[in-house]
Amino acid sequence: MNRIPEHVAIMMDGNGRWATEQGKPRSAGHYAGMLAVRRTIEAAIRLGIQNLTLYAFSSENWKRPKQEVDYIMRLPGIFYNTEMKALKKAGVRVEFFGNLQALPPKTLAVVKKTMEETIQNQTLILRIALNYGSKDEIVEGLKEMAQSNSQRIQEYEELRQFFWTKEMPDVDVLIRTSGEQRLSNFLLLQAANAKLVFIKAYWPDFEGDMLSDAIAAD
């Protein structure tokens, strides 16, 4: 690799299909996907990546079966209980973004707790999109801008100050697993100039060397 990107974003796709093909419930795929998150964080730190963003739950995912959605909403708590000690030791700062206020109260509580307890860490910023849609972000940002006393917006950077992702650097490399080749309403503006890499493997099968291969891909 000639250059390590500052910001890598990943669309973690294929958990459900991975589970179905193995005759397991979809929840097993989401749990296996959480283990892949652990491996990816470790790989990102080894490579020296400063910003890693993961698409965990879109604003459209509420349409999935209630049992599956309920399990996904429990995952931040499972993630906290199993990974927090290692994240703190590794110096990982965790940030969640999206329409967080619409999350179930227990989910929102653990999201806030995770962010508060890692806010001083600086080795890697791990951003997790939860109840996120890029179109929603743009609309909400424009609403906030209209209600502010800001002067006429002339530059993109001036508009970004109203987004949920206002502190996020633009994406250098955007990876999607499972073979799908769509952006699915994820960081449409922030990834405008990103290199797009599509990987056939389902997310639970994602390994650290796949991250380095994706970064190095032409």
N, C-alpha and C. Protein backbone atom coordinates (compact mmCIF):
# COMPACT_ATOMS: atom_id res chain seq x y z
N MET A 1 0.83 -1.20 0.00
CA MET A 1 0.00 0.00 0.00
C MET A 1 0.86 1.24 0.00
N ASN A 2 0.60 2.13 -0.95
CA ASN A 2 1.37 3.37 -1.03
C ASN A 2 0.96 4.37 0.03
N ARG A 3 -0.33 4.33 0.43
CA ARG A 3 -0.81 5.32 1.39
C ARG A 3 -1.93 4.73 2.22
N ILE A 4 -1.86 4.92 3.51
CA ILE A 4 -2.93 4.47 4.39
C ILE A 4 -4.01 5.54 4.41
N PRO A 5 -5.25 5.19 4.07
CA PRO A 5 -6.32 6.20 4.07
C PRO A 5 -6.62 6.69 5.48
N GLU A 6 -7.02 7.95 5.55
CA GLU A 6 -7.39 8.51 6.85
C GLU A 6 -8.73 7.95 7.33
N HIS A 7 -9.62 7.69 6.38
CA HIS A 7 -10.99 7.30 6.76
C HIS A 7 -11.48 6.16 5.87
N VAL A 8 -11.81 5.04 6.49
CA VAL A 8 -12.39 3.89 5.81
C VAL A 8 -13.79 3.67 6.35
N ALA A 9 -14.76 3.53 5.46
CA ALA A 9 -16.14 3.25 5.84
C ALA A 9 -16.54 1.89 5.28
N ILE A 10 -17.31 1.14 6.06
CA ILE A 10 -17.70 -0.21 5.64
C ILE A 10 -19.20 -0.40 5.79
N MET A 11 -19.81 -0.92 4.74
CA MET A 11 -21.21 -1.33 4.78
C MET A 11 -21.21 -2.82 5.11
N MET A 12 -21.56 -3.14 6.33
CA MET A 12 -21.46 -4.51 6.84
C MET A 12 -22.69 -5.31 6.39
N ASP A 13 -22.61 -5.88 5.21
CA ASP A 13 -23.78 -6.52 4.60
C ASP A 13 -23.62 -8.04 4.55
N GLY A 14 -24.74 -8.73 4.72
CA GLY A 14 -24.75 -10.18 4.53
C GLY A 14 -24.91 -11.01 5.78
N ASN A 15 -25.14 -10.39 6.93
CA ASN A 15 -25.29 -11.17 8.16
C ASN A 15 -26.44 -12.18 8.07
N GLY A 16 -27.59 -11.70 7.59
CA GLY A 16 -28.76 -12.57 7.51
C GLY A 16 -28.57 -13.71 6.54
N ARG A 17 -28.02 -13.42 5.36
CA ARG A 17 -27.80 -14.47 4.37
C ARG A 17 -26.77 -15.47 4.85
N TRP A 18 -25.75 -15.00 5.53
CA TRP A 18 -24.74 -15.89 6.11
C TRP A 18 -25.40 -16.88 7.06
N ALA A 19 -26.27 -16.39 7.91
CA ALA A 19 -26.95 -17.26 8.88
C ALA A 19 -27.90 -18.23 8.19
N THR A 20 -28.68 -17.73 7.24
CA THR A 20 -29.65 -18.57 6.55
C THR A 20 -28.97 -19.72 5.81
N GLU A 21 -27.87 -19.44 5.15
CA GLU A 21 -27.16 -20.48 4.40
C GLU A 21 -26.56 -21.53 5.31
N GLN A 22 -26.38 -21.19 6.59
CA GLN A 22 -25.85 -22.16 7.55
C GLN A 22 -26.95 -22.78 8.40
N GLY A 23 -28.21 -22.47 8.06
CA GLY A 23 -29.32 -23.03 8.80
C GLY A 23 -29.46 -22.47 10.20
N LYS A 24 -29.00 -21.25 10.40
CA LYS A 24 -29.05 -20.62 11.72
C LYS A 24 -30.04 -19.45 11.70
N PRO A 25 -30.52 -19.03 12.87
CA PRO A 25 -31.38 -17.84 12.91
C PRO A 25 -30.59 -16.60 12.51
N ARG A 26 -31.28 -15.60 11.99
CA ARG A 26 -30.61 -14.38 11.54
C ARG A 26 -29.86 -13.69 12.68
N SER A 27 -30.34 -13.85 13.90
CA SER A 27 -29.65 -13.26 15.05
C SER A 27 -28.23 -13.80 15.17
N ALA A 28 -28.03 -15.08 14.80
CA ALA A 28 -26.69 -15.66 14.86
C ALA A 28 -25.76 -14.96 13.87
N GLY A 29 -26.32 -14.54 12.74
CA GLY A 29 -25.52 -13.81 11.76
C GLY A 29 -25.11 -12.44 12.28
N HIS A 30 -26.02 -11.80 12.99
CA HIS A 30 -25.69 -10.48 13.54
C HIS A 30 -24.64 -10.58 14.65
N TYR A 31 -24.72 -11.64 15.44
CA TYR A 31 -23.70 -11.83 16.48
C TYR A 31 -22.34 -12.12 15.85
N ALA A 32 -22.34 -12.97 14.82
CA ALA A 32 -21.08 -13.26 14.12
C ALA A 32 -20.54 -12.00 13.47
N GLY A 33 -21.44 -11.13 13.02
CA GLY A 33 -21.01 -9.86 12.45
C GLY A 33 -20.33 -8.98 13.48
N MET A 34 -20.79 -9.06 14.73
CA MET A 34 -20.15 -8.29 15.79
C MET A 34 -18.72 -8.78 16.04
N LEU A 35 -18.49 -10.07 15.90
CA LEU A 35 -17.14 -10.60 16.04
C LEU A 35 -16.25 -10.12 14.89
N ALA A 36 -16.85 -9.96 13.71
CA ALA A 36 -16.09 -9.42 12.58
C ALA A 36 -15.72 -7.97 12.83
N VAL A 37 -16.58 -7.25 13.54
CA VAL A 37 -16.25 -5.87 13.91
C VAL A 37 -14.98 -5.85 14.76
N ARG A 38 -14.90 -6.76 15.69
CA ARG A 38 -13.71 -6.84 16.55
C ARG A 38 -12.45 -7.04 15.71
N ARG A 39 -12.50 -7.99 14.78
CA ARG A 39 -11.33 -8.26 13.93
C ARG A 39 -10.98 -7.05 13.07
N THR A 40 -11.99 -6.35 12.61
CA THR A 40 -11.75 -5.20 11.74
C THR A 40 -11.13 -4.04 12.52
N ILE A 41 -11.58 -3.83 13.74
CA ILE A 41 -10.98 -2.80 14.59
C ILE A 41 -9.51 -3.09 14.80
N GLU A 42 -9.20 -4.33 15.13
CA GLU A 42 -7.81 -4.72 15.36
C GLU A 42 -6.96 -4.50 14.11
N ALA A 43 -7.51 -4.85 12.95
CA ALA A 43 -6.78 -4.67 11.70
C ALA A 43 -6.58 -3.19 11.39
N ALA A 44 -7.60 -2.38 11.64
CA ALA A 44 -7.50 -0.94 11.37
C ALA A 44 -6.41 -0.31 12.22
N ILE A 45 -6.33 -0.73 13.47
CA ILE A 45 -5.29 -0.20 14.36
C ILE A 45 -3.91 -0.61 13.87
N ARG A 46 -3.77 -1.87 13.47
CA ARG A 46 -2.47 -2.34 12.95
C ARG A 46 -2.04 -1.55 11.72
N LEU A 47 -2.99 -1.20 10.87
CA LEU A 47 -2.68 -0.49 9.64
C LEU A 47 -2.45 1.00 9.86
N GLY A 48 -2.87 1.50 11.01
CA GLY A 48 -2.70 2.93 11.29
C GLY A 48 -3.83 3.79 10.77
N ILE A 49 -4.99 3.20 10.52
CA ILE A 49 -6.16 3.96 10.09
C ILE A 49 -6.68 4.76 11.29
N GLN A 50 -7.00 6.01 11.07
CA GLN A 50 -7.43 6.88 12.17
C GLN A 50 -8.94 6.92 12.34
N ASN A 51 -9.69 6.71 11.25
CA ASN A 51 -11.15 6.79 11.29
C ASN A 51 -11.76 5.57 10.61
N LEU A 52 -12.61 4.87 11.33
CA LEU A 52 -13.31 3.70 10.80
C LEU A 52 -14.80 3.88 11.06
N THR A 53 -15.59 3.86 10.01
CA THR A 53 -17.04 4.05 10.14
C THR A 53 -17.77 2.81 9.65
N LEU A 54 -18.73 2.33 10.44
CA LEU A 54 -19.46 1.12 10.14
C LEU A 54 -20.95 1.41 10.03
N TYR A 55 -21.58 0.87 9.00
CA TYR A 55 -23.02 1.02 8.79
C TYR A 55 -23.71 -0.15 9.49
N ALA A 56 -24.27 0.10 10.67
CA ALA A 56 -24.83 -0.97 11.48
C ALA A 56 -26.32 -1.17 11.27
N PHE A 57 -27.07 -0.05 11.15
CA PHE A 57 -28.53 -0.15 11.07
C PHE A 57 -29.05 1.08 10.36
N SER A 58 -29.71 0.88 9.23
CA SER A 58 -30.21 2.02 8.48
C SER A 58 -31.61 2.38 8.94
N SER A 59 -32.04 3.57 8.55
CA SER A 59 -33.39 4.01 8.91
C SER A 59 -34.45 3.18 8.21
N GLU A 60 -34.08 2.46 7.15
CA GLU A 60 -35.01 1.57 6.45
C GLU A 60 -35.10 0.19 7.11
N ASN A 61 -34.14 -0.14 7.97
CA ASN A 61 -34.11 -1.48 8.56
C ASN A 61 -35.22 -1.75 9.57
N TRP A 62 -35.95 -0.71 9.97
CA TRP A 62 -37.08 -0.93 10.88
C TRP A 62 -38.15 -1.81 10.24
N LYS A 63 -38.12 -1.93 8.92
CA LYS A 63 -39.11 -2.74 8.21
C LYS A 63 -38.84 -4.24 8.34
N ARG A 64 -37.70 -4.60 8.88
CA ARG A 64 -37.38 -6.01 9.06
C ARG A 64 -38.27 -6.63 10.15
N PRO A 65 -38.31 -7.97 10.22
CA PRO A 65 -39.13 -8.62 11.25
C PRO A 65 -38.79 -8.11 12.65
N LYS A 66 -39.81 -7.93 13.47
CA LYS A 66 -39.64 -7.34 14.80
C LYS A 66 -38.62 -8.10 15.64
N GLN A 67 -38.64 -9.42 15.59
CA GLN A 67 -37.70 -10.21 16.38
C GLN A 67 -36.26 -9.90 16.01
N GLU A 68 -36.01 -9.73 14.72
CA GLU A 68 -34.65 -9.41 14.26
C GLU A 68 -34.26 -8.00 14.69
N VAL A 69 -35.17 -7.05 14.53
CA VAL A 69 -34.88 -5.67 14.93
C VAL A 69 -34.62 -5.58 16.43
N ASP A 70 -35.43 -6.28 17.21
CA ASP A 70 -35.25 -6.27 18.67
C ASP A 70 -33.86 -6.78 19.04
N TYR A 71 -33.39 -7.82 18.36
CA TYR A 71 -32.06 -8.35 18.66
C TYR A 71 -30.97 -7.35 18.28
N ILE A 72 -31.13 -6.72 17.12
CA ILE A 72 -30.14 -5.74 16.70
C ILE A 72 -30.06 -4.59 17.69
N MET A 73 -31.21 -4.18 18.24
CA MET A 73 -31.22 -3.10 19.22
C MET A 73 -30.55 -3.51 20.53
N ARG A 74 -30.42 -4.82 20.76
CA ARG A 74 -29.71 -5.31 21.95
C ARG A 74 -28.20 -5.37 21.72
N LEU A 75 -27.77 -5.36 20.48
CA LEU A 75 -26.35 -5.55 20.18
C LEU A 75 -25.44 -4.47 20.77
N PRO A 76 -25.83 -3.19 20.79
CA PRO A 76 -24.95 -2.21 21.44
C PRO A 76 -24.63 -2.57 22.89
N GLY A 77 -25.61 -3.14 23.60
CA GLY A 77 -25.37 -3.57 24.98
C GLY A 77 -24.44 -4.77 25.04
N ILE A 78 -24.63 -5.72 24.14
CA ILE A 78 -23.73 -6.88 24.07
C ILE A 78 -22.33 -6.43 23.71
N PHE A 79 -22.25 -5.51 22.76
CA PHE A 79 -20.96 -4.95 22.33
C PHE A 79 -20.26 -4.28 23.51
N TYR A 80 -21.02 -3.52 24.28
CA TYR A 80 -20.45 -2.85 25.45
C TYR A 80 -19.90 -3.87 26.44
N ASN A 81 -20.68 -4.89 26.75
CA ASN A 81 -20.29 -5.86 27.77
C ASN A 81 -19.10 -6.71 27.36
N THR A 82 -18.99 -7.02 26.08
CA THR A 82 -17.92 -7.92 25.63
C THR A 82 -16.68 -7.21 25.12
N GLU A 83 -16.83 -5.97 24.63
CA GLU A 83 -15.71 -5.33 23.94
C GLU A 83 -15.15 -4.09 24.64
N MET A 84 -15.86 -3.53 25.60
CA MET A 84 -15.45 -2.24 26.15
C MET A 84 -14.05 -2.27 26.76
N LYS A 85 -13.74 -3.30 27.50
CA LYS A 85 -12.43 -3.38 28.15
C LYS A 85 -11.32 -3.34 27.11
N ALA A 86 -11.47 -4.11 26.04
CA ALA A 86 -10.45 -4.15 25.00
C ALA A 86 -10.39 -2.82 24.24
N LEU A 87 -11.54 -2.21 24.01
CA LEU A 87 -11.56 -0.94 23.29
C LEU A 87 -10.83 0.15 24.07
N LYS A 88 -11.07 0.19 25.37
CA LYS A 88 -10.38 1.18 26.20
C LYS A 88 -8.88 0.96 26.20
N LYS A 89 -8.49 -0.31 26.31
CA LYS A 89 -7.05 -0.63 26.34
C LYS A 89 -6.38 -0.25 25.03
N ALA A 90 -7.10 -0.42 23.93
CA ALA A 90 -6.53 -0.12 22.61
C ALA A 90 -6.63 1.36 22.25
N GLY A 91 -7.33 2.14 23.06
CA GLY A 91 -7.44 3.57 22.80
C GLY A 91 -8.45 3.91 21.72
N VAL A 92 -9.53 3.12 21.63
CA VAL A 92 -10.55 3.35 20.61
C VAL A 92 -11.65 4.26 21.16
N ARG A 93 -11.93 5.31 20.44
CA ARG A 93 -13.04 6.19 20.77
C ARG A 93 -14.25 5.77 19.94
N VAL A 94 -15.38 5.55 20.58
CA VAL A 94 -16.58 5.08 19.88
C VAL A 94 -17.59 6.22 19.81
N GLU A 95 -18.08 6.49 18.61
CA GLU A 95 -19.11 7.49 18.41
C GLU A 95 -20.25 6.87 17.60
N PHE A 96 -21.47 7.13 17.98
CA PHE A 96 -22.64 6.70 17.23
C PHE A 96 -23.26 7.91 16.56
N PHE A 97 -23.82 7.73 15.37
CA PHE A 97 -24.50 8.84 14.71
C PHE A 97 -25.70 8.32 13.93
N GLY A 98 -26.65 9.21 13.71
CA GLY A 98 -27.91 8.87 13.08
C GLY A 98 -29.02 9.54 13.88
N ASN A 99 -30.24 9.11 13.66
CA ASN A 99 -31.37 9.63 14.44
C ASN A 99 -31.42 8.85 15.74
N LEU A 100 -30.51 9.15 16.64
CA LEU A 100 -30.34 8.37 17.87
C LEU A 100 -31.51 8.53 18.82
N GLN A 101 -32.17 9.67 18.80
CA GLN A 101 -33.27 9.90 19.74
C GLN A 101 -34.45 8.98 19.48
N ALA A 102 -34.52 8.37 18.30
CA ALA A 102 -35.61 7.46 17.97
C ALA A 102 -35.32 6.02 18.38
N LEU A 103 -34.15 5.78 18.97
CA LEU A 103 -33.80 4.43 19.41
C LEU A 103 -34.57 4.08 20.67
N PRO A 104 -34.75 2.78 20.95
CA PRO A 104 -35.35 2.37 22.23
C PRO A 104 -34.54 2.93 23.39
N PRO A 105 -35.19 3.29 24.49
CA PRO A 105 -34.48 3.92 25.61
C PRO A 105 -33.26 3.14 26.11
N LYS A 106 -33.36 1.82 26.23
CA LYS A 106 -32.23 1.03 26.71
C LYS A 106 -31.07 1.08 25.73
N THR A 107 -31.39 1.05 24.46
CA THR A 107 -30.34 1.13 23.43
C THR A 107 -29.66 2.49 23.48
N LEU A 108 -30.46 3.55 23.56
CA LEU A 108 -29.91 4.90 23.61
C LEU A 108 -29.04 5.09 24.85
N ALA A 109 -29.44 4.51 25.96
CA ALA A 109 -28.67 4.66 27.20
C ALA A 109 -27.29 4.05 27.07
N VAL A 110 -27.20 2.85 26.49
CA VAL A 110 -25.89 2.20 26.35
C VAL A 110 -25.05 2.88 25.28
N VAL A 111 -25.70 3.44 24.26
CA VAL A 111 -24.99 4.21 23.24
C VAL A 111 -24.31 5.42 23.89
N LYS A 112 -25.06 6.16 24.69
CA LYS A 112 -24.48 7.34 25.37
C LYS A 112 -23.38 6.92 26.33
N LYS A 113 -23.59 5.84 27.06
CA LYS A 113 -22.58 5.36 28.00
C LYS A 113 -21.28 4.98 27.30
N THR A 114 -21.40 4.30 26.17
CA THR A 114 -20.22 3.90 25.41
C THR A 114 -19.44 5.12 24.93
N MET A 115 -20.15 6.11 24.42
CA MET A 115 -19.47 7.31 23.93
C MET A 115 -18.80 8.08 25.06
N GLU A 116 -19.49 8.20 26.17
CA GLU A 116 -18.95 8.94 27.31
C GLU A 116 -17.68 8.30 27.84
N GLU A 117 -17.65 6.97 27.91
CA GLU A 117 -16.52 6.27 28.52
C GLU A 117 -15.30 6.18 27.61
N THR A 118 -15.47 6.48 26.32
CA THR A 118 -14.33 6.39 25.40
C THR A 118 -13.94 7.74 24.81
N ILE A 119 -14.54 8.81 25.28
CA ILE A 119 -14.38 10.11 24.64
C ILE A 119 -12.94 10.62 24.64
N GLN A 120 -12.12 10.16 25.58
CA GLN A 120 -10.74 10.63 25.66
C GLN A 120 -9.78 9.83 24.80
N ASN A 121 -10.22 8.72 24.24
CA ASN A 121 -9.33 7.84 23.47
C ASN A 121 -9.02 8.44 22.11
N GLN A 122 -7.81 8.15 21.60
CA GLN A 122 -7.35 8.84 20.39
C GLN A 122 -6.70 7.94 19.35
N THR A 123 -6.49 6.67 19.64
CA THR A 123 -5.80 5.80 18.68
C THR A 123 -6.62 5.62 17.41
N LEU A 124 -7.91 5.37 17.59
CA LEU A 124 -8.82 5.15 16.46
C LEU A 124 -10.19 5.70 16.83
N ILE A 125 -10.82 6.41 15.90
CA ILE A 125 -12.20 6.84 16.10
C ILE A 125 -13.09 5.86 15.34
N LEU A 126 -13.88 5.11 16.08
CA LEU A 126 -14.83 4.15 15.50
C LEU A 126 -16.20 4.79 15.51
N ARG A 127 -16.73 5.07 14.33
CA ARG A 127 -18.06 5.67 14.21
C ARG A 127 -19.04 4.61 13.73
N ILE A 128 -20.17 4.50 14.43
CA ILE A 128 -21.16 3.49 14.10
C ILE A 128 -22.46 4.18 13.72
N ALA A 129 -22.90 3.95 12.48
CA ALA A 129 -24.15 4.52 12.00
C ALA A 129 -25.31 3.67 12.48
N LEU A 130 -26.17 4.25 13.28
CA LEU A 130 -27.28 3.53 13.89
C LEU A 130 -28.57 4.32 13.67
N ASN A 131 -29.52 3.70 13.02
CA ASN A 131 -30.73 4.41 12.59
C ASN A 131 -30.34 5.60 11.72
N TYR A 132 -29.52 5.32 10.73
CA TYR A 132 -28.96 6.36 9.87
C TYR A 132 -29.44 6.20 8.44
N GLY A 133 -29.71 7.31 7.80
CA GLY A 133 -29.95 7.39 6.37
C GLY A 133 -29.39 8.71 5.88
N SER A 134 -28.64 8.69 4.81
CA SER A 134 -28.00 9.90 4.33
C SER A 134 -29.02 10.96 3.91
N LYS A 135 -30.11 10.52 3.29
CA LYS A 135 -31.14 11.48 2.89
C LYS A 135 -31.76 12.14 4.12
N ASP A 136 -31.99 11.35 5.17
CA ASP A 136 -32.52 11.91 6.42
C ASP A 136 -31.55 12.94 7.00
N GLU A 137 -30.27 12.61 6.96
CA GLU A 137 -29.26 13.53 7.49
C GLU A 137 -29.28 14.86 6.75
N ILE A 138 -29.39 14.78 5.43
CA ILE A 138 -29.40 16.01 4.64
C ILE A 138 -30.63 16.84 4.94
N VAL A 139 -31.80 16.18 4.99
CA VAL A 139 -33.04 16.90 5.27
C VAL A 139 -33.00 17.56 6.65
N GLU A 140 -32.57 16.80 7.66
CA GLU A 140 -32.51 17.36 9.01
C GLU A 140 -31.50 18.50 9.08
N GLY A 141 -30.39 18.35 8.35
CA GLY A 141 -29.40 19.42 8.32
C GLY A 141 -29.94 20.69 7.70
N LEU A 142 -30.69 20.55 6.62
CA LEU A 142 -31.27 21.72 5.97
C LEU A 142 -32.32 22.38 6.86
N LYS A 143 -33.08 21.56 7.59
CA LYS A 143 -34.06 22.13 8.53
C LYS A 143 -33.35 22.97 9.60
N GLU A 144 -32.26 22.41 10.14
CA GLU A 144 -31.53 23.13 11.18
C GLU A 144 -30.91 24.40 10.63
N MET A 145 -30.40 24.32 9.40
CA MET A 145 -29.81 25.50 8.79
C MET A 145 -30.86 26.59 8.61
N ALA A 146 -32.06 26.21 8.18
CA ALA A 146 -33.13 27.18 7.97
C ALA A 146 -33.54 27.87 9.26
N GLN A 147 -33.41 27.16 10.37
CA GLN A 147 -33.80 27.71 11.67
C GLN A 147 -32.68 28.51 12.32
N SER A 148 -31.49 28.44 11.75
CA SER A 148 -30.35 29.14 12.34
C SER A 148 -30.27 30.55 11.78
N ASN A 149 -29.30 31.29 12.30
CA ASN A 149 -29.09 32.65 11.83
C ASN A 149 -27.92 32.73 10.85
N SER A 150 -27.60 31.55 10.27
CA SER A 150 -26.45 31.51 9.36
C SER A 150 -26.71 32.34 8.11
N GLN A 151 -25.65 32.89 7.60
CA GLN A 151 -25.75 33.60 6.34
C GLN A 151 -25.89 32.60 5.20
N ARG A 152 -26.09 33.08 4.03
CA ARG A 152 -26.28 32.21 2.87
C ARG A 152 -25.12 31.22 2.74
N ILE A 153 -25.46 29.94 2.58
CA ILE A 153 -24.45 28.90 2.43
C ILE A 153 -23.90 28.92 1.02
N GLN A 154 -22.60 29.03 0.89
CA GLN A 154 -21.97 29.08 -0.42
C GLN A 154 -21.02 27.91 -0.66
N GLU A 155 -20.57 27.26 0.41
CA GLU A 155 -19.62 26.17 0.27
C GLU A 155 -20.15 24.92 0.99
N TYR A 156 -19.75 23.76 0.49
CA TYR A 156 -20.17 22.49 1.10
C TYR A 156 -19.77 22.41 2.56
N GLU A 157 -18.57 22.86 2.88
CA GLU A 157 -18.10 22.79 4.26
C GLU A 157 -18.98 23.62 5.20
N GLU A 158 -19.56 24.69 4.69
CA GLU A 158 -20.46 25.50 5.51
C GLU A 158 -21.76 24.74 5.78
N LEU A 159 -22.20 23.94 4.83
CA LEU A 159 -23.41 23.15 5.01
C LEU A 159 -23.18 21.99 5.98
N ARG A 160 -21.99 21.43 5.95
CA ARG A 160 -21.68 20.25 6.78
C ARG A 160 -21.83 20.51 8.27
N GLN A 161 -21.71 21.73 8.69
CA GLN A 161 -21.79 22.04 10.12
C GLN A 161 -23.15 21.69 10.70
N PHE A 162 -24.14 21.44 9.85
CA PHE A 162 -25.48 21.11 10.32
C PHE A 162 -25.77 19.61 10.24
N PHE A 163 -24.80 18.82 9.82
CA PHE A 163 -25.01 17.38 9.67
C PHE A 163 -24.68 16.63 10.95
N TRP A 164 -25.24 15.43 11.11
CA TRP A 164 -24.87 14.53 12.21
C TRP A 164 -23.38 14.20 12.16
N THR A 165 -22.83 14.20 10.95
CA THR A 165 -21.44 13.76 10.73
C THR A 165 -20.49 14.95 10.56
N LYS A 166 -20.82 16.09 11.16
CA LYS A 166 -20.06 17.30 10.91
C LYS A 166 -18.59 17.21 11.29
N GLU A 167 -18.25 16.32 12.23
CA GLU A 167 -16.85 16.19 12.65
C GLU A 167 -16.14 15.06 11.92
N MET A 168 -16.82 14.41 11.01
CA MET A 168 -16.25 13.28 10.28
C MET A 168 -15.50 13.74 9.04
N PRO A 169 -14.26 13.29 8.83
CA PRO A 169 -13.57 13.61 7.58
C PRO A 169 -14.22 12.85 6.43
N ASP A 170 -14.07 13.36 5.22
CA ASP A 170 -14.62 12.66 4.07
C ASP A 170 -14.03 11.26 3.96
N VAL A 171 -14.80 10.37 3.37
CA VAL A 171 -14.40 8.96 3.25
C VAL A 171 -13.39 8.80 2.12
N ASP A 172 -12.31 8.09 2.40
CA ASP A 172 -11.30 7.79 1.37
C ASP A 172 -11.59 6.46 0.67
N VAL A 173 -11.99 5.46 1.45
CA VAL A 173 -12.30 4.14 0.90
C VAL A 173 -13.62 3.66 1.48
N LEU A 174 -14.55 3.26 0.61
CA LEU A 174 -15.84 2.73 1.05
C LEU A 174 -15.94 1.27 0.60
N ILE A 175 -16.12 0.40 1.58
CA ILE A 175 -16.16 -1.04 1.32
C ILE A 175 -17.57 -1.55 1.58
N ARG A 176 -18.06 -2.43 0.71
CA ARG A 176 -19.32 -3.12 0.98
C ARG A 176 -19.12 -4.62 0.78
N THR A 177 -19.56 -5.39 1.76
CA THR A 177 -19.45 -6.84 1.67
C THR A 177 -20.74 -7.43 1.07
N SER A 178 -20.70 -8.73 0.80
CA SER A 178 -21.83 -9.56 0.34
C SER A 178 -22.05 -9.52 -1.16
N GLY A 179 -21.24 -8.78 -1.90
CA GLY A 179 -21.38 -8.76 -3.35
C GLY A 179 -22.32 -7.70 -3.88
N GLU A 180 -23.11 -7.09 -3.02
CA GLU A 180 -24.01 -6.01 -3.46
C GLU A 180 -23.18 -4.80 -3.88
N GLN A 181 -23.64 -4.12 -4.93
CA GLN A 181 -22.92 -2.96 -5.44
C GLN A 181 -23.84 -1.75 -5.46
N ARG A 182 -24.28 -1.36 -4.28
CA ARG A 182 -25.15 -0.21 -4.08
C ARG A 182 -24.67 0.59 -2.88
N LEU A 183 -24.99 1.87 -2.83
CA LEU A 183 -24.62 2.71 -1.68
C LEU A 183 -25.67 2.68 -0.59
N SER A 184 -26.91 2.32 -0.93
CA SER A 184 -27.98 2.13 0.05
C SER A 184 -28.10 3.28 1.05
N ASN A 185 -28.05 4.50 0.53
CA ASN A 185 -28.33 5.68 1.36
C ASN A 185 -27.32 5.87 2.49
N PHE A 186 -26.06 5.55 2.20
CA PHE A 186 -25.00 5.65 3.21
C PHE A 186 -23.97 6.68 2.81
N LEU A 187 -23.84 7.73 3.61
CA LEU A 187 -22.79 8.75 3.44
C LEU A 187 -22.68 9.23 1.99
N LEU A 188 -23.81 9.60 1.40
CA LEU A 188 -23.82 9.95 -0.02
C LEU A 188 -22.95 11.15 -0.35
N LEU A 189 -22.90 12.12 0.54
CA LEU A 189 -22.05 13.29 0.31
C LEU A 189 -20.63 13.06 0.78
N GLN A 190 -20.49 12.43 1.94
CA GLN A 190 -19.17 12.23 2.54
C GLN A 190 -18.30 11.28 1.73
N ALA A 191 -18.94 10.41 0.95
CA ALA A 191 -18.19 9.43 0.14
C ALA A 191 -18.20 9.81 -1.34
N ALA A 192 -18.45 11.06 -1.63
CA ALA A 192 -18.58 11.49 -3.02
C ALA A 192 -17.32 11.21 -3.84
N ASN A 193 -16.16 11.27 -3.20
CA ASN A 193 -14.90 11.06 -3.91
C ASN A 193 -14.17 9.80 -3.43
N ALA A 194 -14.88 8.93 -2.73
CA ALA A 194 -14.24 7.73 -2.17
C ALA A 194 -13.99 6.66 -3.22
N LYS A 195 -12.97 5.88 -2.99
CA LYS A 195 -12.77 4.66 -3.77
C LYS A 195 -13.78 3.62 -3.28
N LEU A 196 -14.51 3.01 -4.21
CA LEU A 196 -15.52 2.02 -3.85
C LEU A 196 -14.97 0.61 -4.07
N VAL A 197 -15.09 -0.22 -3.04
CA VAL A 197 -14.59 -1.60 -3.12
C VAL A 197 -15.72 -2.55 -2.71
N PHE A 198 -16.08 -3.46 -3.58
CA PHE A 198 -17.15 -4.42 -3.30
C PHE A 198 -16.56 -5.81 -3.15
N ILE A 199 -16.88 -6.44 -2.04
CA ILE A 199 -16.32 -7.74 -1.69
C ILE A 199 -17.42 -8.78 -1.65
N LYS A 200 -17.19 -9.95 -2.21
CA LYS A 200 -18.21 -10.99 -2.29
C LYS A 200 -18.51 -11.63 -0.93
N ALA A 201 -17.53 -11.68 -0.07
CA ALA A 201 -17.71 -12.34 1.23
C ALA A 201 -18.78 -11.66 2.05
N TYR A 202 -19.56 -12.47 2.78
CA TYR A 202 -20.51 -11.91 3.73
C TYR A 202 -19.74 -11.29 4.90
N TRP A 203 -20.38 -10.33 5.58
CA TRP A 203 -19.69 -9.62 6.65
C TRP A 203 -19.16 -10.54 7.74
N PRO A 204 -19.87 -11.55 8.22
CA PRO A 204 -19.31 -12.40 9.28
C PRO A 204 -18.01 -13.11 8.87
N ASP A 205 -17.74 -13.21 7.57
CA ASP A 205 -16.51 -13.85 7.10
C ASP A 205 -15.40 -12.85 6.82
N PHE A 206 -15.64 -11.58 7.12
CA PHE A 206 -14.65 -10.55 6.84
C PHE A 206 -13.46 -10.69 7.79
N GLU A 207 -12.26 -10.70 7.23
CA GLU A 207 -11.03 -10.85 8.00
C GLU A 207 -10.15 -9.62 7.83
N GLY A 208 -9.17 -9.49 8.72
CA GLY A 208 -8.31 -8.33 8.69
C GLY A 208 -7.56 -8.14 7.39
N ASP A 209 -7.13 -9.26 6.76
CA ASP A 209 -6.39 -9.13 5.51
C ASP A 209 -7.28 -8.62 4.38
N MET A 210 -8.60 -8.82 4.51
CA MET A 210 -9.51 -8.27 3.50
C MET A 210 -9.53 -6.75 3.56
N LEU A 211 -9.35 -6.21 4.74
CA LEU A 211 -9.30 -4.76 4.88
C LEU A 211 -8.07 -4.19 4.17
N SER A 212 -6.92 -4.79 4.43
CA SER A 212 -5.71 -4.30 3.76
C SER A 212 -5.77 -4.52 2.26
N ASP A 213 -6.36 -5.64 1.80
CA ASP A 213 -6.49 -5.90 0.37
C ASP A 213 -7.40 -4.86 -0.29
N ALA A 214 -8.49 -4.50 0.41
CA ALA A 214 -9.43 -3.51 -0.15
C ALA A 214 -8.76 -2.15 -0.28
N ILE A 215 -7.96 -1.79 0.72
CA ILE A 215 -7.28 -0.50 0.67
C ILE A 215 -6.27 -0.46 -0.48
N ALA A 216 -5.61 -1.59 -0.68
CA ALA A 216 -4.57 -1.65 -1.73
C ALA A 216 -5.12 -1.87 -3.12
N ALA A 217 -6.39 -2.22 -3.25
CA ALA A 217 -6.98 -2.53 -4.56
C ALA A 217 -6.93 -1.32 -5.48
N ASP A 218 -6.73 -1.58 -6.76
CA ASP A 218 -6.71 -0.51 -7.76
C ASP A 218 -8.12 0.00 -8.02
